Amino acid sequence: MSTATVAPSAAARPSNARIDERRVAATPRGVGIGFPFYAERARNAELWDVEGRRFIDFGSGIAVLNTGHCHPRVMEAVRSQLDRFTHTAYQVVPYESAVALAERLNRITPGSHPKKTAFFTTGAEAVENAIKIARCATRRPGVIALTGAFHGRTFMGMALTGKVAPYKSGFGPFPGSIYHVPAPVALHGVSVEESLAAIDRLFKADIDAEQVAAIILEPVQGEGGFYVQPPEFMRAVREICDRHGILMIADEIQTGFGRTGSLFAMDHYDVVPDLMTVAKSLAGGLPLSGVVGRAEIMDAPAPGGLGGTYAGNALAIAAAHAVLDVIEDEQLAPRAERLGQRLKARLGALRASVPQISDVRGLGAMVAVEFVGKDGKPDPDFTKQVQARARDAGLLLLTCGVYANVIRFLFPLTIEESVLEEGLDILAAAMQA
């Protein structure tokens, strides 16, 4: 009997179309799919689908892969931990690696005050627990967030999020004592003064300032459109918090770990938050999040009040140690600044031939380009066209913004120079077509 292997026929090979048919039948439509193809393997800033087609990844799994797909040091750290144990539940049998990672985050996050860190699994979980901690520490119910904010898809996350479709549509009612004020976005006619006046009106009309536990904000709004919070706004929010005993929570889930040209986006400001949420690029693709904050605030919940079965999973903790080593050893934060400047220069040069460009903005390599039509109004259709043309040419781009008229750039900070240039060439062609 022959033992020779027979090559699979073309019909037997995986196909994006056939897998997509299975997805539609097996999974709910509420889980939206950005691109109609299926990953087979990936390396640094490149990804190949099941049909062998190569793509340059300018999205990094939504800002999760600052150290790239499958960084060798991250992979080796996970393999090493895999040989020891995968799970004990930290709350049942803890492990030193998690303690060491908490110590590292306490050292490297903004502020010289004593801090403590609690680990969770997802960004939304970190946000939920930051609010729990803030309410427990202050014994107050109210939380203020900004329009355009994104803080997750859990009920508290949705309540805090300042964008209805698709995140909040059909899911209410939401938790109470959540309030929104306009984010200061000069491009859309909202000044810092108007945002601060809205907070003042809120205190007069809707909730006593002494009943507000926290103000939560993203230093750079992620899903909202990559709008950078003005320094004067951050200083004013800090002053309001100090005056009324309110905690300032910085959501660094998308901005953290070198993306903005500093280790954290809050490093760009001269104020320090009381609590900070982290996730995404913390563990290089493994699910890990955390809340870092002032020690006395973090200790407010009683034992058992925080945690989760998978919170601080050992494999993710091992990956996070390697990620922090790579960011430091490869100087990824300074590189993010250089790459971001290069991208901004390229986008700026395209303004003459792409009149739809209304704004190019960002910190470090967290950059966005916004498009408007001839009438000056947001142009989501052109944005989708650019994204589709780029995809067809082998470049993955993510959109964002309340009006869905923004393309955000989140390529790995480890991207090779030649791959970056290739991607930028595809981008230019997609915008000029």
Protein backbone atom coordinates (compact mmCIF):
# COMPACT_ATOMS: atom_id res chain seq x y z
CA MET A 1 0.00 0.00 0.00
CA SER A 2 1.45 3.34 -1.01
CA THR A 3 2.22 5.88 1.73
CA ALA A 4 2.75 8.79 -0.65
CA THR A 5 0.81 11.90 0.32
CA VAL A 6 -1.55 13.44 -2.14
CA ALA A 7 -1.63 17.21 -2.50
CA PRO A 8 -5.05 18.61 -1.64
CA SER A 9 -7.13 19.64 -4.60
CA ALA A 10 -7.95 23.28 -5.14
CA ALA A 11 -11.49 22.55 -4.00
CA ALA A 12 -10.21 21.12 -0.70
CA ARG A 13 -8.01 24.08 0.18
CA PRO A 14 -9.41 26.69 2.57
CA SER A 15 -11.13 29.55 0.85
CA ASN A 16 -12.13 32.89 2.32
CA ALA A 17 -15.57 32.67 0.72
CA ARG A 18 -16.31 29.21 2.10
CA ILE A 19 -15.14 30.10 5.59
CA ASP A 20 -17.20 33.27 5.48
CA GLU A 21 -20.31 31.26 4.61
CA ARG A 22 -19.64 29.13 7.69
CA ARG A 23 -19.13 32.25 9.83
CA VAL A 24 -22.46 33.71 8.79
CA ALA A 25 -24.21 30.45 9.65
CA ALA A 26 -22.37 29.84 12.94
CA THR A 27 -21.84 33.27 14.53
CA PRO A 28 -24.17 36.23 15.20
CA ARG A 29 -24.19 39.28 12.95
CA GLY A 30 -23.62 41.51 15.97
CA VAL A 31 -19.94 40.58 15.83
CA GLY A 32 -18.98 42.75 12.88
CA ILE A 33 -16.14 41.74 10.57
CA GLY A 34 -13.80 44.39 9.20
CA PHE A 35 -12.32 42.41 6.32
CA PRO A 36 -13.84 39.41 4.49
CA PHE A 37 -10.76 37.19 4.60
CA TYR A 38 -9.26 34.87 7.18
CA ALA A 39 -5.80 34.98 8.73
CA GLU A 40 -3.45 32.03 8.34
CA ARG A 41 -0.20 33.46 9.70
CA ALA A 42 1.43 36.78 10.53
CA ARG A 43 4.87 38.26 11.19
CA ASN A 44 5.64 41.74 12.49
CA ALA A 45 3.61 44.08 10.22
CA GLU A 46 2.61 41.49 7.63
CA LEU A 47 -0.30 39.05 7.55
CA TRP A 48 -1.21 36.25 5.12
CA ASP A 49 -4.71 34.91 4.58
CA VAL A 50 -5.75 31.28 4.05
CA GLU A 51 -5.46 31.73 0.28
CA GLY A 52 -1.84 32.88 0.60
CA ARG A 53 -2.42 36.57 -0.05
CA ARG A 54 -0.14 38.99 1.81
CA PHE A 55 -1.33 42.15 3.56
CA ILE A 56 0.53 44.97 5.30
CA ASP A 57 -1.13 45.53 8.67
CA PHE A 58 -1.59 49.19 9.61
CA GLY A 59 -4.15 48.27 12.29
CA SER A 60 -2.25 45.93 14.64
CA GLY A 61 -5.42 44.19 15.78
CA ILE A 62 -6.73 47.59 16.94
CA ALA A 63 -3.56 48.84 18.64
CA VAL A 64 -2.69 45.53 20.32
CA LEU A 65 0.56 44.81 18.50
CA ASN A 66 2.94 47.69 19.16
CA THR A 67 5.66 45.03 19.23
CA GLY A 68 4.34 43.41 16.05
CA HIS A 69 2.87 40.04 15.22
CA CYS A 70 4.77 37.19 16.89
CA HIS A 71 7.78 39.10 18.20
CA PRO A 72 10.40 36.39 18.89
CA ARG A 73 11.01 37.51 22.47
CA VAL A 74 7.32 37.57 23.29
CA MET A 75 6.79 34.16 21.72
CA GLU A 76 9.71 32.68 23.64
CA ALA A 77 8.45 34.10 26.93
CA VAL A 78 5.04 32.51 26.38
CA ARG A 79 6.57 29.16 25.39
CA SER A 80 8.72 29.17 28.51
CA GLN A 81 5.71 29.86 30.75
CA LEU A 82 3.67 27.25 28.88
CA ASP A 83 6.14 24.61 30.02
CA ARG A 84 5.60 25.56 33.69
CA PHE A 85 1.84 26.16 34.04
CA THR A 86 -0.94 27.95 32.18
CA HIS A 87 -3.46 28.78 34.89
CA THR A 88 -3.90 28.64 38.64
CA ALA A 89 -6.29 31.59 39.10
CA TYR A 90 -4.16 34.29 40.67
CA GLN A 91 -6.74 34.78 43.43
CA VAL A 92 -6.38 31.12 44.40
CA VAL A 93 -2.67 30.40 43.90
CA PRO A 94 -0.72 33.56 42.96
CA TYR A 95 2.64 33.70 41.18
CA GLU A 96 5.68 35.96 41.48
CA SER A 97 5.64 37.04 37.82
CA ALA A 98 2.37 38.92 38.35
CA VAL A 99 3.72 40.67 41.42
CA ALA A 100 6.84 41.65 39.45
CA LEU A 101 4.76 43.03 36.58
CA ALA A 102 2.68 45.10 39.00
CA GLU A 103 5.90 46.48 40.45
CA ARG A 104 7.12 47.40 36.96
CA LEU A 105 3.90 49.18 36.05
CA ASN A 106 3.90 51.02 39.35
CA ARG A 107 7.39 52.31 38.51
CA ILE A 108 6.90 53.29 34.87
CA THR A 109 3.43 54.85 34.91
CA PRO A 110 3.15 58.63 35.38
CA GLY A 111 3.64 60.02 38.89
CA SER A 112 6.13 59.37 41.69
CA HIS A 113 3.48 58.65 44.34
CA PRO A 114 2.98 55.15 45.80
CA LYS A 115 0.89 53.03 43.40
CA LYS A 116 -0.71 49.63 43.17
CA THR A 117 -1.85 47.63 40.12
CA ALA A 118 -4.72 45.16 39.70
CA PHE A 119 -4.82 42.89 36.65
CA PHE A 120 -7.83 41.90 34.58
CA THR A 121 -8.42 40.45 31.12
CA THR A 122 -9.96 43.00 28.75
CA GLY A 123 -9.96 46.76 28.38
CA ALA A 124 -13.65 46.94 29.20
CA GLU A 125 -12.97 44.98 32.39
CA ALA A 126 -10.29 47.47 33.35
CA VAL A 127 -12.69 50.36 32.83
CA GLU A 128 -15.43 48.63 34.83
CA ASN A 129 -13.05 48.06 37.71
CA ALA A 130 -11.65 51.58 37.59
CA ILE A 131 -15.19 52.87 38.09
CA LYS A 132 -15.79 50.34 40.89
CA ILE A 133 -12.61 51.47 42.63
CA ALA A 134 -13.45 55.16 42.19
CA ARG A 135 -16.95 54.75 43.58
CA CYS A 136 -15.71 52.66 46.48
CA ALA A 137 -12.93 55.11 47.35
CA THR A 138 -15.10 58.24 47.16
CA ARG A 139 -18.45 56.77 48.22
CA ARG A 140 -19.99 58.77 45.36
CA PRO A 141 -22.04 57.53 42.37
CA GLY A 142 -21.48 60.02 39.54
CA VAL A 143 -19.09 59.60 36.62
CA ILE A 144 -18.45 62.11 33.84
CA ALA A 145 -17.21 61.05 30.38
CA LEU A 146 -16.76 62.84 27.05
CA THR A 147 -18.72 62.72 23.82
CA GLY A 148 -16.89 60.63 21.25
CA ALA A 149 -15.32 58.50 23.97
CA PHE A 150 -15.05 54.72 23.71
CA HIS A 151 -14.70 52.74 26.93
CA GLY A 152 -15.93 49.26 25.98
CA ARG A 153 -18.96 47.14 25.18
CA THR A 154 -20.02 46.04 28.68
CA PHE A 155 -22.96 47.89 30.20
CA MET A 156 -20.78 50.34 32.12
CA GLY A 157 -18.50 50.64 29.09
CA MET A 158 -21.45 51.41 26.84
CA ALA A 159 -22.85 53.91 29.32
CA LEU A 160 -19.52 55.76 29.34
CA THR A 161 -19.06 55.56 25.57
CA GLY A 162 -20.02 58.74 23.75
CA LYS A 163 -21.10 57.20 20.44
CA VAL A 164 -24.49 55.54 19.93
CA ALA A 165 -24.22 53.52 16.70
CA PRO A 166 -23.25 50.75 16.69
CA TYR A 167 -22.15 50.40 20.31
CA LYS A 168 -25.27 51.43 22.23
CA SER A 169 -28.11 50.89 19.77
CA GLY A 170 -30.80 48.63 21.19
CA PHE A 171 -28.98 47.75 24.42
CA GLY A 172 -30.42 50.16 26.98
CA PRO A 173 -31.25 51.09 29.65
CA PHE A 174 -27.74 51.74 30.87
CA PRO A 175 -26.34 52.20 34.40
CA GLY A 176 -27.33 55.46 36.03
CA SER A 177 -25.32 58.45 37.27
CA ILE A 178 -23.29 58.61 34.03
CA TYR A 179 -23.00 62.03 32.38
CA HIS A 180 -21.40 63.28 29.18
CA VAL A 181 -19.93 66.63 28.26
CA PRO A 182 -18.66 67.67 24.81
CA ALA A 183 -15.05 66.78 24.11
CA PRO A 184 -12.96 69.81 23.10
CA VAL A 185 -12.51 69.38 19.35
CA ALA A 186 -11.70 72.69 17.69
CA LEU A 187 -12.08 71.14 14.23
CA HIS A 188 -15.77 70.58 15.00
CA GLY A 189 -16.34 73.89 16.73
CA VAL A 190 -16.03 72.86 20.37
CA SER A 191 -13.47 74.87 22.32
CA VAL A 192 -11.82 74.03 25.62
CA GLU A 193 -13.83 76.83 27.22
CA GLU A 194 -17.09 75.35 25.97
CA SER A 195 -16.20 71.90 27.30
CA LEU A 196 -15.35 73.31 30.70
CA ALA A 197 -18.51 75.41 30.72
CA ALA A 198 -20.49 72.21 30.05
CA ILE A 199 -18.96 70.63 33.16
CA ASP A 200 -19.93 73.71 35.17
CA ARG A 201 -23.50 73.53 33.82
CA LEU A 202 -23.61 69.84 34.68
CA PHE A 203 -22.76 70.66 38.29
CA LYS A 204 -25.51 73.25 38.38
CA ALA A 205 -28.27 71.37 36.57
CA ASP A 206 -27.74 67.61 36.81
CA ILE A 207 -25.45 66.45 39.62
CA ASP A 208 -23.76 68.09 42.58
CA ALA A 209 -19.98 68.10 42.11
CA GLU A 210 -19.68 66.55 45.56
CA GLN A 211 -21.56 63.50 44.24
CA VAL A 212 -19.17 62.87 41.34
CA ALA A 213 -16.72 60.02 41.86
CA ALA A 214 -14.65 60.37 38.69
CA ILE A 215 -14.03 62.05 35.38
CA ILE A 216 -12.79 59.51 32.82
CA LEU A 217 -11.14 60.49 29.55
CA GLU A 218 -8.78 59.21 26.88
CA PRO A 219 -5.70 61.42 26.42
CA VAL A 220 -6.18 60.75 22.70
CA GLN A 221 -9.67 59.61 21.80
CA GLY A 222 -9.46 56.26 20.03
CA GLU A 223 -12.72 55.26 18.37
CA GLY A 224 -13.79 58.89 18.63
CA GLY A 225 -11.32 59.99 15.96
CA PHE A 226 -7.80 60.34 17.44
CA TYR A 227 -8.48 63.79 18.81
CA VAL A 228 -5.69 64.81 21.19
CA GLN A 229 -6.87 66.38 24.43
CA PRO A 230 -5.50 69.95 24.65
CA PRO A 231 -3.01 70.44 27.53
CA GLU A 232 -5.06 73.32 28.95
CA PHE A 233 -8.12 71.08 29.10
CA MET A 234 -6.22 68.37 30.95
CA ARG A 235 -4.91 70.93 33.45
CA ALA A 236 -8.40 72.31 33.98
CA VAL A 237 -9.90 68.84 34.51
CA ARG A 238 -7.17 68.09 37.04
CA GLU A 239 -7.95 71.32 38.87
CA ILE A 240 -11.69 70.58 38.89
CA CYS A 241 -11.00 67.12 40.28
CA ASP A 242 -8.74 68.47 43.00
CA ARG A 243 -11.20 71.17 43.97
CA HIS A 244 -14.14 68.80 44.38
CA GLY A 245 -12.47 65.59 45.53
CA ILE A 246 -13.14 63.88 42.19
CA LEU A 247 -10.80 61.20 40.82
CA MET A 248 -9.26 61.67 37.38
CA ILE A 249 -9.15 58.44 35.36
CA ALA A 250 -6.95 58.28 32.24
CA ASP A 251 -8.03 55.55 29.82
CA GLU A 252 -4.71 54.57 28.22
CA ILE A 253 -5.98 51.32 26.74
CA GLN A 254 -5.27 52.36 23.15
CA THR A 255 -2.65 55.04 23.78
CA GLY A 256 -0.29 53.15 26.07
CA PHE A 257 3.04 51.36 25.67
CA GLY A 258 4.96 53.62 23.32
CA ARG A 259 2.28 54.35 20.75
CA THR A 260 2.25 58.15 21.22
CA GLY A 261 6.03 58.64 21.29
CA SER A 262 6.17 58.30 25.07
CA LEU A 263 5.56 55.21 27.13
CA PHE A 264 2.14 56.61 28.03
CA ALA A 265 0.15 59.45 26.49
CA MET A 266 -0.17 61.10 29.91
CA ASP A 267 3.60 61.64 29.79
CA HIS A 268 2.86 64.43 27.30
CA TYR A 269 0.95 66.39 29.96
CA ASP A 270 2.00 68.13 33.17
CA VAL A 271 -0.78 66.50 35.20
CA VAL A 272 -1.02 63.02 36.71
CA PRO A 273 -4.20 60.91 36.88
CA ASP A 274 -5.37 59.18 40.04
CA LEU A 275 -6.21 55.97 38.18
CA MET A 276 -5.14 54.69 34.77
CA THR A 277 -6.48 51.81 32.68
CA VAL A 278 -4.14 49.78 30.47
CA ALA A 279 -4.65 46.85 28.07
CA LYS A 280 -4.20 46.18 24.33
CA SER A 281 -0.43 46.33 23.62
CA LEU A 282 0.46 45.44 27.21
CA ALA A 283 0.78 41.72 26.40
CA GLY A 284 1.51 41.63 22.67
CA GLY A 285 -1.71 39.91 21.61
CA LEU A 286 -2.57 37.97 24.75
CA PRO A 287 -5.56 39.16 26.82
CA LEU A 288 -4.36 41.25 29.74
CA SER A 289 -5.49 44.54 31.22
CA GLY A 290 -4.98 46.46 34.41
CA VAL A 291 -5.83 49.40 36.61
CA VAL A 292 -2.89 51.33 38.02
CA GLY A 293 -3.53 53.96 40.65
CA ARG A 294 -2.72 55.71 43.87
CA ALA A 295 -2.13 53.07 46.51
CA GLU A 296 -4.67 54.40 48.99
CA ILE A 297 -7.36 54.55 46.30
CA MET A 298 -6.59 51.09 44.94
CA ASP A 299 -6.89 49.67 48.46
CA ALA A 300 -10.45 50.97 48.93
CA PRO A 301 -12.26 47.77 47.82
CA ALA A 302 -12.29 44.97 50.39
CA PRO A 303 -10.60 41.63 49.65
CA GLY A 304 -12.66 39.77 47.08
CA GLY A 305 -14.08 42.97 45.61
CA LEU A 306 -11.71 42.86 42.65
CA GLY A 307 -10.50 40.03 40.44
CA GLY A 308 -11.67 37.49 37.91
CA THR A 309 -11.04 33.87 36.99
CA TYR A 310 -8.63 34.72 34.17
CA ALA A 311 -7.43 38.04 35.57
CA GLY A 312 -3.64 38.28 35.26
CA ASN A 313 -3.31 34.95 33.41
CA ALA A 314 0.22 33.58 33.71
CA LEU A 315 0.83 33.32 29.94
CA ALA A 316 -0.27 36.93 29.40
CA ILE A 317 1.85 38.12 32.32
CA ALA A 318 4.91 36.43 30.80
CA ALA A 319 4.17 38.07 27.46
CA ALA A 320 3.82 41.49 29.11
CA HIS A 321 7.25 41.26 30.73
CA ALA A 322 8.73 40.53 27.30
CA VAL A 323 6.76 43.38 25.72
CA LEU A 324 8.12 45.89 28.24
CA ASP A 325 11.64 44.58 27.64
CA VAL A 326 11.25 44.96 23.86
CA ILE A 327 9.82 48.49 24.15
CA GLU A 328 12.80 49.53 26.25
CA ASP A 329 15.56 47.65 24.44
CA GLU A 330 14.39 48.55 20.93
CA GLN A 331 13.55 52.14 21.91
CA LEU A 332 10.07 51.87 20.45
CA ALA A 333 8.70 55.08 21.97
CA PRO A 334 11.30 57.31 20.25
CA ARG A 335 10.83 55.26 17.09
CA ALA A 336 7.08 55.88 17.27
CA GLU A 337 7.78 59.60 17.25
CA ARG A 338 10.02 59.29 14.18
CA LEU A 339 7.57 57.07 12.31
CA GLY A 340 4.68 59.36 13.17
CA GLN A 341 6.50 62.41 11.85
CA ARG A 342 7.26 60.54 8.65
CA LEU A 343 3.61 59.55 8.22
CA LYS A 344 2.38 63.07 8.93
CA ALA A 345 4.80 64.48 6.36
CA ARG A 346 3.57 62.01 3.75
CA LEU A 347 -0.08 62.81 4.49
CA GLY A 348 0.67 66.53 4.45
CA ALA A 349 2.22 66.22 1.01
CA LEU A 350 -0.96 64.54 -0.26
CA ARG A 351 -3.16 67.51 0.64
CA ALA A 352 -2.54 69.18 -2.72
CA SER A 353 -3.85 66.19 -4.68
CA VAL A 354 -6.46 64.97 -2.17
CA PRO A 355 -8.73 67.93 -1.34
CA GLN A 356 -10.86 65.70 0.90
CA ILE A 357 -8.15 65.83 3.58
CA SER A 358 -9.35 68.25 6.24
CA ASP A 359 -6.98 67.37 9.06
CA VAL A 360 -3.90 65.32 9.91
CA ARG A 361 -3.27 64.89 13.62
CA GLY A 362 -1.94 62.71 16.37
CA LEU A 363 0.81 62.02 18.88
CA GLY A 364 3.76 59.85 17.93
CA ALA A 365 2.60 56.97 15.73
CA MET A 366 -1.04 57.38 16.80
CA VAL A 367 -1.99 59.38 13.71
CA ALA A 368 -5.25 60.02 11.88
CA VAL A 369 -6.40 61.68 8.67
CA GLU A 370 -9.92 63.11 8.45
CA PHE A 371 -11.92 63.51 5.24
CA VAL A 372 -14.67 65.95 4.28
CA GLY A 373 -16.65 66.50 1.10
CA LYS A 374 -16.87 69.59 -1.08
CA ASP A 375 -19.54 70.93 1.27
CA GLY A 376 -17.13 70.72 4.21
CA LYS A 377 -19.17 68.00 5.90
CA PRO A 378 -17.73 64.64 7.03
CA ASP A 379 -17.32 62.22 4.11
CA PRO A 380 -17.62 58.62 5.32
CA ASP A 381 -18.16 57.36 1.76
CA PHE A 382 -14.76 58.58 0.57
CA THR A 383 -13.23 57.13 3.74
CA LYS A 384 -14.71 53.71 2.94
CA GLN A 385 -13.48 53.95 -0.65
CA VAL A 386 -9.91 54.63 0.49
CA GLN A 387 -10.07 51.73 2.92
CA ALA A 388 -11.43 49.36 0.23
CA ARG A 389 -8.88 50.39 -2.40
CA ALA A 390 -6.05 49.95 0.08
CA ARG A 391 -7.36 46.53 1.10
CA ASP A 392 -7.56 45.41 -2.53
CA ALA A 393 -3.94 46.51 -2.97
CA GLY A 394 -2.80 44.65 0.16
CA LEU A 395 -2.94 47.28 2.93
CA LEU A 396 -5.19 47.03 6.00
CA LEU A 397 -6.53 50.34 7.36
CA LEU A 398 -8.96 51.01 10.20
CA THR A 399 -11.57 53.75 10.26
CA CYS A 400 -12.98 55.59 13.26
CA GLY A 401 -14.73 58.78 14.31
CA VAL A 402 -18.24 59.71 15.32
CA TYR A 403 -18.95 60.37 11.62
CA ALA A 404 -16.86 57.39 10.37
CA ASN A 405 -14.80 59.77 8.26
CA VAL A 406 -11.38 59.17 9.82
CA ILE A 407 -8.64 56.68 8.99
CA ARG A 408 -6.43 55.84 11.95
CA PHE A 409 -2.91 54.49 11.67
CA LEU A 410 -1.74 51.90 14.18
CA PHE A 411 1.05 49.98 12.45
CA PRO A 412 3.42 48.04 14.71
CA LEU A 413 6.19 50.21 16.10
CA THR A 414 8.58 47.46 14.99
CA ILE A 415 7.56 47.73 11.32
CA GLU A 416 10.44 47.39 8.85
CA GLU A 417 11.33 50.58 6.96
CA SER A 418 10.74 48.94 3.58
CA VAL A 419 7.34 47.60 4.62
CA LEU A 420 6.31 51.02 5.95
CA GLU A 421 7.29 52.67 2.66
CA GLU A 422 5.41 50.05 0.68
CA GLY A 423 2.32 50.65 2.80
CA LEU A 424 2.56 54.41 2.44
CA ASP A 425 2.80 54.06 -1.34
CA ILE A 426 -0.35 51.94 -1.38
CA LEU A 427 -2.07 54.49 0.86
CA ALA A 428 -1.18 57.37 -1.44
CA ALA A 429 -2.48 55.50 -4.49
CA ALA A 430 -5.73 54.61 -2.67
CA MET A 431 -6.32 58.24 -1.73
CA GLN A 432 -5.49 59.60 -5.18
CA ALA A 433 -7.43 57.04 -7.24
